[in-house]
Amino acid sequence: MFENYPDVVNVSELSEMLGICEKTAYILLKNNKIKYIRIGRVYKIPKVYVIEFLYKKN
């Protein structure tokens, strides 16, 4: 799943992966729906957390 993406993605790649806009991706992150690592002002999302989010949702 998501082989074409790096192991750690940014918000833009996250929105592509989930088929949502970047604004919605930021809302998911800020509401702690998807775990992330924040470095300064940059969100880094390990791909395993995206997959975990998808399995929790279903």
PDB file of N, CA and C in Angstrom:
ATOM      1  N   MET A   1       0.852  -1.184   0.000  1.00  0.00           N
ATOM      2  CA  MET A   1       0.000   0.000   0.000  1.00  0.00           C
ATOM      3  C   MET A   1       0.891   1.239   0.000  1.00  0.00           C
ATOM      4  N   PHE A   2       0.629   2.160  -0.892  1.00  0.00           N
ATOM      5  CA  PHE A   2       1.369   3.428  -0.993  1.00  0.00           C
ATOM      6  C   PHE A   2       2.859   3.225  -1.277  1.00  0.00           C
ATOM      7  N   GLU A   3       3.200   2.249  -2.128  1.00  0.00           N
ATOM      8  CA  GLU A   3       4.608   1.987  -2.443  1.00  0.00           C
ATOM      9  C   GLU A   3       5.286   3.174  -3.101  1.00  0.00           C
ATOM     10  N   ASN A   4       4.531   3.993  -3.798  1.00  0.00           N
ATOM     11  CA  ASN A   4       5.111   5.117  -4.545  1.00  0.00           C
ATOM     12  C   ASN A   4       5.430   6.323  -3.669  1.00  0.00           C
ATOM     13  N   TYR A   5       5.171   6.226  -2.399  1.00  0.00           N
ATOM     14  CA  TYR A   5       5.426   7.337  -1.485  1.00  0.00           C
ATOM     15  C   TYR A   5       6.585   6.995  -0.556  1.00  0.00           C
ATOM     16  N   PRO A   6       7.327   8.019  -0.095  1.00  0.00           N
ATOM     17  CA  PRO A   6       8.420   7.750   0.846  1.00  0.00           C
ATOM     18  C   PRO A   6       7.873   7.292   2.199  1.00  0.00           C
ATOM     19  N   ASP A   7       8.755   6.791   3.049  1.00  0.00           N
ATOM     20  CA  ASP A   7       8.345   6.291   4.365  1.00  0.00           C
ATOM     21  C   ASP A   7       7.806   7.404   5.264  1.00  0.00           C
ATOM     22  N   VAL A   8       8.254   8.631   5.046  1.00  0.00           N
ATOM     23  CA  VAL A   8       7.772   9.789   5.798  1.00  0.00           C
ATOM     24  C   VAL A   8       7.298  10.818   4.775  1.00  0.00           C
ATOM     25  N   VAL A   9       6.021  11.205   4.880  1.00  0.00           N
ATOM     26  CA  VAL A   9       5.434  12.113   3.898  1.00  0.00           C
ATOM     27  C   VAL A   9       5.147  13.477   4.510  1.00  0.00           C
ATOM     28  N   ASN A  10       4.941  14.458   3.646  1.00  0.00           N
ATOM     29  CA  ASN A  10       4.538  15.787   4.104  1.00  0.00           C
ATOM     30  C   ASN A  10       3.028  15.927   3.911  1.00  0.00           C
ATOM     31  N   VAL A  11       2.487  17.074   4.238  1.00  0.00           N
ATOM     32  CA  VAL A  11       1.030  17.283   4.181  1.00  0.00           C
ATOM     33  C   VAL A  11       0.518  17.184   2.746  1.00  0.00           C
ATOM     34  N   SER A  12       1.274  17.690   1.812  1.00  0.00           N
ATOM     35  CA  SER A  12       0.876  17.624   0.406  1.00  0.00           C
ATOM     36  C   SER A  12       0.747  16.169  -0.054  1.00  0.00           C
ATOM     37  N   GLU A  13       1.731  15.359   0.283  1.00  0.00           N
ATOM     38  CA  GLU A  13       1.686  13.942  -0.086  1.00  0.00           C
ATOM     39  C   GLU A  13       0.579  13.215   0.668  1.00  0.00           C
ATOM     40  N   LEU A  14       0.354  13.576   1.911  1.00  0.00           N
ATOM     41  CA  LEU A  14      -0.735  12.991   2.693  1.00  0.00           C
ATOM     42  C   LEU A  14      -2.073  13.245   2.029  1.00  0.00           C
ATOM     43  N   SER A  15      -2.285  14.466   1.576  1.00  0.00           N
ATOM     44  CA  SER A  15      -3.552  14.797   0.937  1.00  0.00           C
ATOM     45  C   SER A  15      -3.729  14.012  -0.365  1.00  0.00           C
ATOM     46  N   GLU A  16      -2.642  13.800  -1.107  1.00  0.00           N
ATOM     47  CA  GLU A  16      -2.702  12.971  -2.321  1.00  0.00           C
ATOM     48  C   GLU A  16      -3.057  11.536  -1.976  1.00  0.00           C
ATOM     49  N   MET A  17      -2.430  11.010  -0.954  1.00  0.00           N
ATOM     50  CA  MET A  17      -2.649   9.619  -0.554  1.00  0.00           C
ATOM     51  C   MET A  17      -4.106   9.367  -0.183  1.00  0.00           C
ATOM     52  N   LEU A  18      -4.699  10.322   0.513  1.00  0.00           N
ATOM     53  CA  LEU A  18      -6.068  10.140   0.997  1.00  0.00           C
ATOM     54  C   LEU A  18      -7.123  10.705   0.052  1.00  0.00           C
ATOM     55  N   GLY A  19      -6.693  11.444  -0.968  1.00  0.00           N
ATOM     56  CA  GLY A  19      -7.641  12.028  -1.915  1.00  0.00           C
ATOM     57  C   GLY A  19      -8.447  13.160  -1.304  1.00  0.00           C
ATOM     58  N   ILE A  20      -7.800  13.947  -0.456  1.00  0.00           N
ATOM     59  CA  ILE A  20      -8.461  15.073   0.209  1.00  0.00           C
ATOM     60  C   ILE A  20      -7.649  16.346  -0.049  1.00  0.00           C
ATOM     61  N   CYS A  21      -8.217  17.492   0.260  1.00  0.00           N
ATOM     62  CA  CYS A  21      -7.476  18.737   0.087  1.00  0.00           C
ATOM     63  C   CYS A  21      -6.517  18.928   1.265  1.00  0.00           C
ATOM     64  N   GLU A  22      -5.540  19.806   1.084  1.00  0.00           N
ATOM     65  CA  GLU A  22      -4.540  20.030   2.128  1.00  0.00           C
ATOM     66  C   GLU A  22      -5.165  20.607   3.394  1.00  0.00           C
ATOM     67  N   LYS A  23      -6.178  21.426   3.244  1.00  0.00           N
ATOM     68  CA  LYS A  23      -6.838  22.007   4.410  1.00  0.00           C
ATOM     69  C   LYS A  23      -7.433  20.899   5.292  1.00  0.00           C
ATOM     70  N   THR A  24      -8.071  19.943   4.671  1.00  0.00           N
ATOM     71  CA  THR A  24      -8.644  18.820   5.410  1.00  0.00           C
ATOM     72  C   THR A  24      -7.546  17.981   6.055  1.00  0.00           C
ATOM     73  N   ALA A  25      -6.423  17.824   5.361  1.00  0.00           N
ATOM     74  CA  ALA A  25      -5.294  17.077   5.921  1.00  0.00           C
ATOM     75  C   ALA A  25      -4.780  17.762   7.187  1.00  0.00           C
ATOM     76  N   TYR A  26      -4.656  19.088   7.151  1.00  0.00           N
ATOM     77  CA  TYR A  26      -4.215  19.826   8.345  1.00  0.00           C
ATOM     78  C   TYR A  26      -5.214  19.656   9.487  1.00  0.00           C
ATOM     79  N   ILE A  27      -6.499  19.635   9.166  1.00  0.00           N
ATOM     80  CA  ILE A  27      -7.522  19.453  10.206  1.00  0.00           C
ATOM     81  C   ILE A  27      -7.370  18.072  10.859  1.00  0.00           C
ATOM     82  N   LEU A  28      -7.146  17.036  10.037  1.00  0.00           N
ATOM     83  CA  LEU A  28      -6.935  15.693  10.590  1.00  0.00           C
ATOM     84  C   LEU A  28      -5.731  15.657  11.520  1.00  0.00           C
ATOM     85  N   LEU A  29      -4.664  16.337  11.130  1.00  0.00           N
ATOM     86  CA  LEU A  29      -3.457  16.358  11.963  1.00  0.00           C
ATOM     87  C   LEU A  29      -3.689  17.125  13.254  1.00  0.00           C
ATOM     88  N   LYS A  30      -4.286  18.298  13.152  1.00  0.00           N
ATOM     89  CA  LYS A  30      -4.493  19.130  14.331  1.00  0.00           C
ATOM     90  C   LYS A  30      -5.479  18.504  15.316  1.00  0.00           C
ATOM     91  N   ASN A  31      -6.408  17.684  14.818  1.00  0.00           N
ATOM     92  CA  ASN A  31      -7.363  17.000  15.694  1.00  0.00           C
ATOM     93  C   ASN A  31      -6.841  15.639  16.158  1.00  0.00           C
ATOM     94  N   ASN A  32      -5.552  15.381  15.889  1.00  0.00           N
ATOM     95  CA  ASN A  32      -4.878  14.139  16.290  1.00  0.00           C
ATOM     96  C   ASN A  32      -5.553  12.878  15.755  1.00  0.00           C
ATOM     97  N   LYS A  33      -6.141  12.968  14.582  1.00  0.00           N
ATOM     98  CA  LYS A  33      -6.719  11.793  13.932  1.00  0.00           C
ATOM     99  C   LYS A  33      -5.622  10.952  13.299  1.00  0.00           C
ATOM    100  N   ILE A  34      -4.546  11.618  12.862  1.00  0.00           N
ATOM    101  CA  ILE A  34      -3.369  10.947  12.298  1.00  0.00           C
ATOM    102  C   ILE A  34      -2.171  11.408  13.107  1.00  0.00           C
ATOM    103  N   LYS A  35      -1.380  10.459  13.583  1.00  0.00           N
ATOM    104  CA  LYS A  35      -0.180  10.808  14.344  1.00  0.00           C
ATOM    105  C   LYS A  35       0.835  11.448  13.409  1.00  0.00           C
ATOM    106  N   TYR A  36       1.644  12.336  13.943  1.00  0.00           N
ATOM    107  CA  TYR A  36       2.648  13.032  13.139  1.00  0.00           C
ATOM    108  C   TYR A  36       3.807  13.466  14.015  1.00  0.00           C
ATOM    109  N   ILE A  37       4.866  13.899  13.357  1.00  0.00           N
ATOM    110  CA  ILE A  37       6.023  14.486  14.024  1.00  0.00           C
ATOM    111  C   ILE A  37       6.125  15.903  13.477  1.00  0.00           C
ATOM    112  N   ARG A  38       6.288  16.854  14.360  1.00  0.00           N
ATOM    113  CA  ARG A  38       6.392  18.236  13.914  1.00  0.00           C
ATOM    114  C   ARG A  38       7.811  18.724  14.178  1.00  0.00           C
ATOM    115  N   ILE A  39       8.438  19.210  13.131  1.00  0.00           N
ATOM    116  CA  ILE A  39       9.790  19.756  13.224  1.00  0.00           C
ATOM    117  C   ILE A  39       9.692  21.222  12.843  1.00  0.00           C
ATOM    118  N   GLY A  40       9.746  22.080  13.851  1.00  0.00           N
ATOM    119  CA  GLY A  40       9.519  23.508  13.599  1.00  0.00           C
ATOM    120  C   GLY A  40       8.086  23.711  13.145  1.00  0.00           C
ATOM    121  N   ARG A  41       7.924  24.223  11.950  1.00  0.00           N
ATOM    122  CA  ARG A  41       6.588  24.441  11.393  1.00  0.00           C
ATOM    123  C   ARG A  41       6.188  23.377  10.380  1.00  0.00           C
ATOM    124  N   VAL A  42       7.028  22.356  10.238  1.00  0.00           N
ATOM    125  CA  VAL A  42       6.816  21.325   9.215  1.00  0.00           C
ATOM    126  C   VAL A  42       6.261  20.058   9.846  1.00  0.00           C
ATOM    127  N   TYR A  43       5.187  19.546   9.242  1.00  0.00           N
ATOM    128  CA  TYR A  43       4.606  18.280   9.684  1.00  0.00           C
ATOM    129  C   TYR A  43       5.226  17.151   8.877  1.00  0.00           C
ATOM    130  N   LYS A  44       5.677  16.119   9.571  1.00  0.00           N
ATOM    131  CA  LYS A  44       6.192  14.903   8.944  1.00  0.00           C
ATOM    132  C   LYS A  44       5.331  13.751   9.428  1.00  0.00           C
ATOM    133  N   ILE A  45       4.778  12.999   8.483  1.00  0.00           N
ATOM    134  CA  ILE A  45       3.856  11.928   8.824  1.00  0.00           C
ATOM    135  C   ILE A  45       4.427  10.595   8.343  1.00  0.00           C
ATOM    136  N   PRO A  46       4.843   9.723   9.260  1.00  0.00           N
ATOM    137  CA  PRO A  46       5.292   8.395   8.842  1.00  0.00           C
ATOM    138  C   PRO A  46       4.150   7.647   8.150  1.00  0.00           C
ATOM    139  N   LYS A  47       4.467   6.980   7.073  1.00  0.00           N
ATOM    140  CA  LYS A  47       3.466   6.288   6.262  1.00  0.00           C
ATOM    141  C   LYS A  47       2.682   5.265   7.079  1.00  0.00           C
ATOM    142  N   VAL A  48       3.325   4.656   8.064  1.00  0.00           N
ATOM    143  CA  VAL A  48       2.620   3.662   8.889  1.00  0.00           C
ATOM    144  C   VAL A  48       1.450   4.298   9.640  1.00  0.00           C
ATOM    145  N   TYR A  49       1.569   5.578  10.012  1.00  0.00           N
ATOM    146  CA  TYR A  49       0.472   6.254  10.707  1.00  0.00           C
ATOM    147  C   TYR A  49      -0.706   6.526   9.773  1.00  0.00           C
ATOM    148  N   VAL A  50      -0.426   6.744   8.507  1.00  0.00           N
ATOM    149  CA  VAL A  50      -1.502   6.940   7.525  1.00  0.00           C
ATOM    150  C   VAL A  50      -2.263   5.629   7.361  1.00  0.00           C
ATOM    151  N   ILE A  51      -1.532   4.537   7.246  1.00  0.00           N
ATOM    152  CA  ILE A  51      -2.169   3.219   7.100  1.00  0.00           C
ATOM    153  C   ILE A  51      -2.952   2.873   8.358  1.00  0.00           C
ATOM    154  N   GLU A  52      -2.385   3.183   9.523  1.00  0.00           N
ATOM    155  CA  GLU A  52      -3.076   2.951  10.798  1.00  0.00           C
ATOM    156  C   GLU A  52      -4.390   3.737  10.842  1.00  0.00           C
ATOM    157  N   PHE A  53      -4.366   4.983  10.388  1.00  0.00           N
ATOM    158  CA  PHE A  53      -5.576   5.807  10.348  1.00  0.00           C
ATOM    159  C   PHE A  53      -6.643   5.173   9.460  1.00  0.00           C
ATOM    160  N   LEU A  54      -6.235   4.652   8.313  1.00  0.00           N
ATOM    161  CA  LEU A  54      -7.200   4.046   7.404  1.00  0.00           C
ATOM    162  C   LEU A  54      -7.837   2.794   8.001  1.00  0.00           C
ATOM    163  N   TYR A  55      -7.062   2.001   8.721  1.00  0.00           N
ATOM    164  CA  TYR A  55      -7.621   0.802   9.332  1.00  0.00           C
ATOM    165  C   TYR A  55      -8.521   1.114  10.505  1.00  0.00           C
ATOM    166  N   LYS A  56      -8.209   2.166  11.267  1.00  0.00           N
ATOM    167  CA  LYS A  56      -9.063   2.565  12.375  1.00  0.00           C
ATOM    168  C   LYS A  56     -10.406   3.073  11.884  1.00  0.00           C
ATOM    169  N   LYS A  57     -10.390   3.721  10.746  1.00  0.00           N
ATOM    170  CA  LYS A  57     -11.587   4.342  10.207  1.00  0.00           C
ATOM    171  C   LYS A  57     -12.598   3.304   9.751  1.00  0.00           C
ATOM    172  N   ASN A  58     -12.145   2.162   9.263  1.00  0.00           N
ATOM    173  CA  ASN A  58     -13.065   1.157   8.709  1.00  0.00           C
ATOM    174  C   ASN A  58     -13.546   0.210   9.747  1.00  0.00           C
TER     175      ASN A  58
END
